[in-house]
Each structure stands twice: as C-alpha cells, then as structure tokens.
C-alpha cells in the first residue's frame, strides 16, 4: 500500500510551497479546481495505508514477548492518535475542498487547502507523521537481538526516528516557523520508506513464526 501511495503522490507535482519550481499558484489558492482529481488521488490509497499501519502496529504488539508488551501497547496507542489525525486530515481535504471550490464556497478554504504551505493540512500531516514516527521508536524494543532479522527491524525503526528528528531540527534552524512544506515532505518520505522496508522484513518474520508454530503443533 505504501508503494502504491508513493506512486500516486509522485504524480501530484507541487504547484505551491517550497518545492514548486514554476507556474506556482499564490494565496488564496482558489484557482485549483483544475487540479482535481489528479492532486487528490494519492489520498485515497493513503487512507487505506493509514488503516493498514494501525493493523501492523497491533500485529507487532501481539508478537511482542510478555516483558515487552508495554512497548507494543505504547506504540499502538501512538498509532491510533496518528491515524485519527491523518485520516481526519485526508478525509476533510478530499471531501470538502473540491466541492466547496466547485460551488464557489471559498470562505476558509485558504487555511484548509493542501496548497497552502502554512495551512492546517500541512500542519496536521506534520503532527500525524511525527506521532507515527514516535510509535516506531516505541515498538523498536519489541525486537531483541534474538536474530539478525529482528535486529534489522529494530534499527530501521530507530534510525527512521533519528532521521525525522534531525530533519525537523535542520528545517527549523534554517527556516524557523516559515518551514512551509519542507519538513512535511521529509517526514512523509522517511516514514513511508520505513513502512516499505520493515513491512517486508516483518512479513518475513511473522511468516517464520507461523511456520514454527505449525511445526510445534
């Protein structure tokens, strides 16, 4: 799901914000209905991705040994918070913004639209993916040095968290509050790469566990 979402997101070329190179639209971002549905398509698989991420975190909690269940529980709790934040953000964006523009109901649109690099959409994405990254950090201790596969999974989660924090610090130092969508793009890319890499590694780990249980039975 992450690969599919990534593929759709790449096709939505930025027409505003720090990553826009030419033909950029300016505030109040009301002349954007021509971008529908192309710029919104990635949010549909992203919605499924977020739900799948919660299921993945619950699966990790189930996999955890008894002494590490607390880390899995904290990770799931943060995952639910992140999911609610991001799902609300995406659902509001593709359910409200296009139809409001079609009906010329533009009051409040500049603050809510995804094209505003200082808007609510970007801020909620930053918050949601930061909390997602925090959930990765807390489930990392679930995976001990039992084998190389678990060790790799743990370090992918930890390194991803470190990269996200470094990105936030560097963007904040260089741009202050006027970071626009720079950090948003960075933290999404980091988290999605974590989900791709560890999604594969975890599927191998869970499959091995199922085979071992089958042999015992």
Protein backbone atom coordinates (compact mmCIF):
# COMPACT_ATOMS: atom_id res chain seq x y z
CA UNK A 1 0.00 0.00 0.00
CA UNK A 2 2.88 2.36 0.72
CA UNK A 3 4.41 1.75 -2.70
CA UNK A 4 1.04 2.41 -4.36
CA UNK A 5 0.54 5.60 -2.33
CA UNK A 6 4.10 6.73 -3.10
CA UNK A 7 3.45 6.21 -6.81
CA UNK A 8 0.29 8.34 -6.77
CA UNK A 9 1.92 11.03 -4.62
CA UNK A 10 4.82 11.45 -7.06
CA UNK A 11 2.36 12.24 -9.87
CA UNK A 12 0.90 15.13 -7.86
CA UNK A 13 3.54 17.69 -8.78
CA UNK A 14 3.66 20.64 -6.33
CA UNK A 15 2.16 23.87 -7.67
CA UNK A 16 2.78 25.78 -4.45
CA UNK A 17 5.10 25.73 -1.47
CA UNK A 18 8.86 25.32 -1.18
CA UNK A 19 9.06 22.51 -3.76
CA UNK A 20 7.26 24.35 -6.56
CA UNK A 21 9.68 25.29 -9.35
CA UNK A 22 7.49 27.07 -11.93
CA UNK A 23 3.88 28.01 -12.60
CA UNK A 24 3.24 28.28 -8.87
CA UNK A 25 -0.10 29.45 -7.54
CA UNK A 26 -0.26 32.09 -4.83
CA UNK A 27 -2.53 32.87 -1.90
CA UNK A 28 -5.54 32.49 -1.61
CA UNK A 29 -5.12 29.26 -3.66
CA UNK A 30 -8.67 29.36 -5.01
CA UNK A 31 -7.81 28.64 -8.65
CA UNK A 32 -7.03 24.98 -8.03
CA UNK A 33 -10.17 23.11 -9.05
CA UNK A 34 -8.45 22.17 -12.32
CA UNK A 35 -6.07 20.03 -10.22
CA UNK A 36 -8.96 17.81 -9.11
CA UNK A 37 -8.88 14.82 -9.04
CA UNK A 38 -5.20 14.37 -10.00
CA UNK A 39 -3.70 16.05 -6.94
CA UNK A 40 -6.11 14.27 -4.61
CA UNK A 41 -5.81 10.70 -5.89
CA UNK A 42 -2.88 9.81 -3.61
CA UNK A 43 -5.00 10.50 -0.50
CA UNK A 44 -7.33 7.56 -1.22
CA UNK A 45 -4.64 4.85 -1.03
CA UNK A 46 -3.04 6.87 1.80
CA UNK A 47 -6.26 6.40 3.77
CA UNK A 48 -6.05 2.62 3.30
CA UNK A 49 -2.33 2.81 4.13
CA UNK A 50 -3.01 4.50 7.47
CA UNK A 51 -5.56 1.83 8.41
CA UNK A 52 -3.08 -0.88 7.39
CA UNK A 53 -0.40 0.80 9.52
CA UNK A 54 -2.63 0.52 12.62
CA UNK A 55 -3.17 -3.18 11.90
CA UNK A 56 0.59 -3.61 11.52
CA UNK A 57 1.24 -1.97 14.89
CA UNK A 58 -1.37 -4.18 16.57
CA UNK A 59 0.33 -7.20 14.99
CA UNK A 60 3.67 -6.08 16.43
CA UNK A 61 2.06 -5.74 19.87
CA UNK A 62 0.69 -9.26 19.53
CA UNK A 63 4.14 -10.55 18.52
CA UNK A 64 5.90 -8.93 21.49
CA UNK A 65 7.08 -11.08 24.37
CA UNK A 66 5.31 -10.61 27.70
CA UNK A 67 8.02 -8.35 29.15
CA UNK A 68 7.94 -6.14 26.03
CA UNK A 69 4.15 -5.87 25.75
CA UNK A 70 4.27 -2.41 27.35
CA UNK A 71 6.32 -1.08 24.41
CA UNK A 72 3.90 -2.59 21.94
CA UNK A 73 0.94 -1.07 23.80
CA UNK A 74 2.51 2.40 23.78
CA UNK A 75 3.29 2.03 20.09
CA UNK A 76 -0.33 1.06 19.32
CA UNK A 77 -1.62 4.00 21.38
CA UNK A 78 0.51 6.46 19.42
CA UNK A 79 -0.51 4.73 16.18
CA UNK A 80 -4.19 5.32 16.94
CA UNK A 81 -3.52 9.01 17.65
CA UNK A 82 -1.51 9.36 14.43
CA UNK A 83 -4.15 7.53 12.41
CA UNK A 84 -7.02 9.68 13.71
CA UNK A 85 -5.04 12.83 12.93
CA UNK A 86 -4.12 11.80 9.39
CA UNK A 87 -7.44 10.19 8.48
CA UNK A 88 -9.30 13.32 9.55
CA UNK A 89 -6.86 15.47 7.59
CA UNK A 90 -7.20 13.46 4.37
CA UNK A 91 -10.96 12.93 4.60
CA UNK A 92 -11.62 16.63 5.13
CA UNK A 93 -9.32 17.51 2.24
CA UNK A 94 -10.83 15.33 -0.47
CA UNK A 95 -14.42 15.55 0.83
CA UNK A 96 -14.70 19.28 1.43
CA UNK A 97 -12.18 21.32 -0.59
CA UNK A 98 -13.06 20.28 -4.19
CA UNK A 99 -16.83 20.50 -3.77
CA UNK A 100 -16.54 23.83 -1.96
CA UNK A 101 -14.48 25.25 -4.83
CA UNK A 102 -16.98 23.89 -7.36
CA UNK A 103 -19.79 25.68 -5.54
CA UNK A 104 -17.67 28.82 -5.04
CA UNK A 105 -17.93 28.48 -1.28
CA UNK A 106 -14.44 29.78 -0.69
CA UNK A 107 -14.57 31.20 2.83
CA UNK A 108 -11.96 29.43 4.96
CA UNK A 109 -10.54 27.46 2.00
CA UNK A 110 -7.11 29.19 2.01
CA UNK A 111 -6.39 27.95 5.54
CA UNK A 112 -7.57 24.38 4.88
CA UNK A 113 -6.32 23.59 1.37
CA UNK A 114 -3.31 21.35 0.80
CA UNK A 115 -1.80 24.04 -1.44
CA UNK A 116 -1.23 26.40 1.49
CA UNK A 117 2.27 25.61 2.82
CA UNK A 118 1.37 27.36 6.10
CA UNK A 119 -2.10 25.81 6.33
CA UNK A 120 -3.92 23.33 8.53
CA UNK A 121 -3.45 20.41 6.12
CA UNK A 122 0.35 20.59 6.20
CA UNK A 123 0.43 21.16 9.98
CA UNK A 124 -1.76 18.11 10.67
CA UNK A 125 0.34 15.97 8.34
CA UNK A 126 3.49 17.04 10.19
CA UNK A 127 1.87 16.22 13.53
CA UNK A 128 0.42 12.91 12.35
CA UNK A 129 3.64 11.63 10.82
CA UNK A 130 5.71 12.79 13.80
CA UNK A 131 3.46 10.78 16.11
CA UNK A 132 3.68 7.84 13.69
CA UNK A 133 7.45 8.10 13.89
CA UNK A 134 7.21 8.13 17.69
CA UNK A 135 5.18 4.92 17.53
CA UNK A 136 8.02 3.34 15.53
CA UNK A 137 10.51 4.31 18.25
CA UNK A 138 8.42 2.69 20.99
CA UNK A 139 7.90 -0.62 19.19
CA UNK A 140 11.62 -0.91 18.40
CA UNK A 141 12.40 -2.56 21.81
CA UNK A 142 9.91 -5.32 20.94
CA UNK A 143 12.57 -6.68 18.62
CA UNK A 144 15.53 -8.02 20.58
CA UNK A 145 18.86 -9.41 19.46
CA UNK A 146 17.23 -12.83 19.08
CA UNK A 147 18.28 -12.94 15.41
CA UNK A 148 19.62 -10.72 12.62
CA UNK A 149 16.15 -10.11 11.17
CA UNK A 150 14.77 -8.70 14.42
CA UNK A 151 17.94 -6.66 14.86
CA UNK A 152 17.49 -5.13 11.39
CA UNK A 153 13.83 -4.29 12.05
CA UNK A 154 14.69 -2.58 15.33
CA UNK A 155 17.43 -0.44 13.77
CA UNK A 156 15.25 0.61 10.83
CA UNK A 157 12.68 1.94 13.32
CA UNK A 158 15.32 3.70 15.45
CA UNK A 159 17.24 5.21 12.52
CA UNK A 160 13.98 6.43 10.98
CA UNK A 161 13.10 8.26 14.20
CA UNK A 162 16.56 9.84 14.39
CA UNK A 163 16.35 11.00 10.75
CA UNK A 164 12.92 12.55 11.34
CA UNK A 165 14.12 14.50 14.39
CA UNK A 166 17.27 15.66 12.59
CA UNK A 167 15.11 16.80 9.65
CA UNK A 168 12.82 18.77 11.97
CA UNK A 169 15.77 20.42 13.72
CA UNK A 170 17.59 21.32 10.49
CA UNK A 171 14.48 22.73 8.79
CA UNK A 172 13.56 24.68 11.92
CA UNK A 173 17.07 26.13 12.27
CA UNK A 174 17.19 27.20 8.63
CA UNK A 175 13.62 28.43 8.19
CA UNK A 176 12.10 28.85 11.65
CA UNK A 177 8.30 28.87 11.59
CA UNK A 178 8.37 29.52 7.84
CA UNK A 179 9.32 25.93 7.05
CA UNK A 180 6.40 25.63 4.60
CA UNK A 181 6.11 22.01 3.38
CA UNK A 182 9.81 21.16 3.62
CA UNK A 183 9.60 19.10 6.80
CA UNK A 184 6.27 17.58 5.77
CA UNK A 185 7.84 16.12 2.62
CA UNK A 186 10.86 14.89 4.59
CA UNK A 187 8.95 13.14 7.39
CA UNK A 188 6.45 11.54 5.00
CA UNK A 189 9.30 10.18 2.84
CA UNK A 190 11.12 8.82 5.90
CA UNK A 191 8.02 7.16 7.35
CA UNK A 192 6.91 5.65 4.08
CA UNK A 193 10.38 4.19 3.50
CA UNK A 194 10.28 2.71 7.00
CA UNK A 195 6.89 1.13 6.25
CA UNK A 196 8.15 -0.30 2.96
CA UNK A 197 11.37 -1.75 4.38
CA UNK A 198 10.01 -3.03 7.66
CA UNK A 199 6.74 -4.08 6.05
CA UNK A 200 8.77 -6.58 4.03
CA UNK A 201 11.00 -7.63 6.95
CA UNK A 202 8.06 -8.02 9.33
CA UNK A 203 6.14 -10.15 6.83
CA UNK A 204 9.15 -12.50 6.69
CA UNK A 205 9.40 -12.55 10.49
CA UNK A 206 5.70 -13.23 11.02
CA UNK A 207 5.73 -15.96 8.36
CA UNK A 208 8.64 -17.66 10.11
CA UNK A 209 6.77 -17.54 13.41
CA UNK A 210 3.68 -19.11 11.87
CA UNK A 211 5.81 -21.91 10.40
CA UNK A 212 7.45 -22.54 13.77
CA UNK A 213 4.07 -22.69 15.50
CA UNK A 214 2.84 -25.08 12.83
CA UNK A 215 5.80 -27.41 13.45
CA UNK A 216 5.21 -27.36 17.21
CA UNK A 217 1.55 -28.28 16.75
